[in-house]
């Protein structure tokens, strides 16, 4: 059985936490820049916390309910 452990349960070092505190409000600035570049001032811009969530959203938005994803096993370890 392949087990996928969650990598979101680990803590971060103090230096990373401090940078996150300093940059916490940049999301609003990023949303405004994305809307401007896309020339869509009313666009809903949301940010996801990681690749797993992003992949789930993208895959579910492009596939029909009866479709799925097949991927190659590329483990080299």
C-alpha atoms as a PDB file:
ATOM      1  CA  UNK A   1       0.000   0.000   0.000  1.00  0.00           C
ATOM      2  CA  UNK A   2       1.208   3.504  -0.797  1.00  0.00           C
ATOM      3  CA  UNK A   3       0.727   5.925   2.080  1.00  0.00           C
ATOM      4  CA  UNK A   4       0.573   9.658   1.501  1.00  0.00           C
ATOM      5  CA  UNK A   5       1.569  11.435   4.692  1.00  0.00           C
ATOM      6  CA  UNK A   6       0.399  14.981   5.186  1.00  0.00           C
ATOM      7  CA  UNK A   7       3.249  17.456   4.992  1.00  0.00           C
ATOM      8  CA  UNK A   8       1.090  20.292   6.325  1.00  0.00           C
ATOM      9  CA  UNK A   9       1.308  19.193   9.956  1.00  0.00           C
ATOM     10  CA  UNK A  10       4.926  20.171  10.566  1.00  0.00           C
ATOM     11  CA  UNK A  11       5.841  23.464  12.197  1.00  0.00           C
ATOM     12  CA  UNK A  12       8.074  26.128  10.644  1.00  0.00           C
ATOM     13  CA  UNK A  13      11.285  27.599  11.974  1.00  0.00           C
ATOM     14  CA  UNK A  14      11.184  31.002  13.655  1.00  0.00           C
ATOM     15  CA  UNK A  15      12.764  32.802  10.683  1.00  0.00           C
ATOM     16  CA  UNK A  16      10.000  31.613   8.356  1.00  0.00           C
ATOM     17  CA  UNK A  17       7.281  32.579  10.839  1.00  0.00           C
ATOM     18  CA  UNK A  18       8.775  36.082  11.101  1.00  0.00           C
ATOM     19  CA  UNK A  19       8.814  36.539   7.317  1.00  0.00           C
ATOM     20  CA  UNK A  20       5.220  35.314   7.132  1.00  0.00           C
ATOM     21  CA  UNK A  21       4.219  37.904   9.725  1.00  0.00           C
ATOM     22  CA  UNK A  22       5.883  40.648   7.667  1.00  0.00           C
ATOM     23  CA  UNK A  23       4.292  39.600   4.376  1.00  0.00           C
ATOM     24  CA  UNK A  24       0.884  38.540   5.681  1.00  0.00           C
ATOM     25  CA  UNK A  25      -1.104  41.266   3.914  1.00  0.00           C
ATOM     26  CA  UNK A  26       0.477  40.877   0.452  1.00  0.00           C
ATOM     27  CA  UNK A  27      -2.453  38.781  -0.793  1.00  0.00           C
ATOM     28  CA  UNK A  28      -4.602  41.875  -1.307  1.00  0.00           C
ATOM     29  CA  UNK A  29      -1.807  43.526  -3.299  1.00  0.00           C
ATOM     30  CA  UNK A  30      -1.328  40.370  -5.361  1.00  0.00           C
ATOM     31  CA  UNK A  31      -5.079  40.151  -6.081  1.00  0.00           C
ATOM     32  CA  UNK A  32      -5.096  43.737  -7.326  1.00  0.00           C
ATOM     33  CA  UNK A  33      -2.075  43.115  -9.571  1.00  0.00           C
ATOM     34  CA  UNK A  34      -3.613  39.935 -11.024  1.00  0.00           C
ATOM     35  CA  UNK A  35      -6.908  41.713 -11.744  1.00  0.00           C
ATOM     36  CA  UNK A  36      -5.033  44.560 -13.441  1.00  0.00           C
ATOM     37  CA  UNK A  37      -2.873  42.260 -15.586  1.00  0.00           C
ATOM     38  CA  UNK A  38      -5.946  40.228 -16.595  1.00  0.00           C
ATOM     39  CA  UNK A  39      -7.890  43.439 -17.247  1.00  0.00           C
ATOM     40  CA  UNK A  40     -10.735  42.095 -15.131  1.00  0.00           C
ATOM     41  CA  UNK A  41     -11.288  44.369 -12.110  1.00  0.00           C
ATOM     42  CA  UNK A  42     -14.136  42.258 -10.704  1.00  0.00           C
ATOM     43  CA  UNK A  43     -12.357  38.882 -10.972  1.00  0.00           C
ATOM     44  CA  UNK A  44     -12.485  36.588  -7.977  1.00  0.00           C
ATOM     45  CA  UNK A  45      -8.872  35.784  -7.124  1.00  0.00           C
ATOM     46  CA  UNK A  46      -8.274  33.096  -4.517  1.00  0.00           C
ATOM     47  CA  UNK A  47      -5.058  31.527  -3.291  1.00  0.00           C
ATOM     48  CA  UNK A  48      -4.669  27.891  -2.297  1.00  0.00           C
ATOM     49  CA  UNK A  49      -2.344  26.552   0.363  1.00  0.00           C
ATOM     50  CA  UNK A  50      -0.553  23.887  -1.617  1.00  0.00           C
ATOM     51  CA  UNK A  51      -0.142  21.682  -4.627  1.00  0.00           C
ATOM     52  CA  UNK A  52      -2.576  18.991  -3.501  1.00  0.00           C
ATOM     53  CA  UNK A  53      -5.451  21.438  -3.194  1.00  0.00           C
ATOM     54  CA  UNK A  54      -4.507  23.176  -6.431  1.00  0.00           C
ATOM     55  CA  UNK A  55      -4.362  19.882  -8.331  1.00  0.00           C
ATOM     56  CA  UNK A  56      -7.752  18.830  -6.951  1.00  0.00           C
ATOM     57  CA  UNK A  57      -9.393  22.100  -7.993  1.00  0.00           C
ATOM     58  CA  UNK A  58      -7.868  22.104 -11.486  1.00  0.00           C
ATOM     59  CA  UNK A  59      -8.524  18.427 -12.165  1.00  0.00           C
ATOM     60  CA  UNK A  60     -12.128  18.616 -10.976  1.00  0.00           C
ATOM     61  CA  UNK A  61     -12.738  21.699 -13.111  1.00  0.00           C
ATOM     62  CA  UNK A  62     -11.517  20.136 -16.380  1.00  0.00           C
ATOM     63  CA  UNK A  63     -12.785  16.547 -16.129  1.00  0.00           C
ATOM     64  CA  UNK A  64     -16.275  15.160 -16.431  1.00  0.00           C
ATOM     65  CA  UNK A  65     -17.525  13.259 -13.348  1.00  0.00           C
ATOM     66  CA  UNK A  66     -16.804   9.885 -14.975  1.00  0.00           C
ATOM     67  CA  UNK A  67     -13.250  10.783 -16.070  1.00  0.00           C
ATOM     68  CA  UNK A  68     -10.043  10.347 -14.103  1.00  0.00           C
ATOM     69  CA  UNK A  69      -6.298  10.909 -14.164  1.00  0.00           C
ATOM     70  CA  UNK A  70      -3.706   8.253 -14.922  1.00  0.00           C
ATOM     71  CA  UNK A  71      -0.107   9.025 -14.056  1.00  0.00           C
ATOM     72  CA  UNK A  72       3.136   7.144 -14.540  1.00  0.00           C
ATOM     73  CA  UNK A  73       5.050   5.753 -11.628  1.00  0.00           C
ATOM     74  CA  UNK A  74       8.283   7.738 -11.826  1.00  0.00           C
ATOM     75  CA  UNK A  75       9.793   6.862  -8.480  1.00  0.00           C
ATOM     76  CA  UNK A  76      13.552   6.694  -8.859  1.00  0.00           C
ATOM     77  CA  UNK A  77      14.456   5.850  -5.287  1.00  0.00           C
END
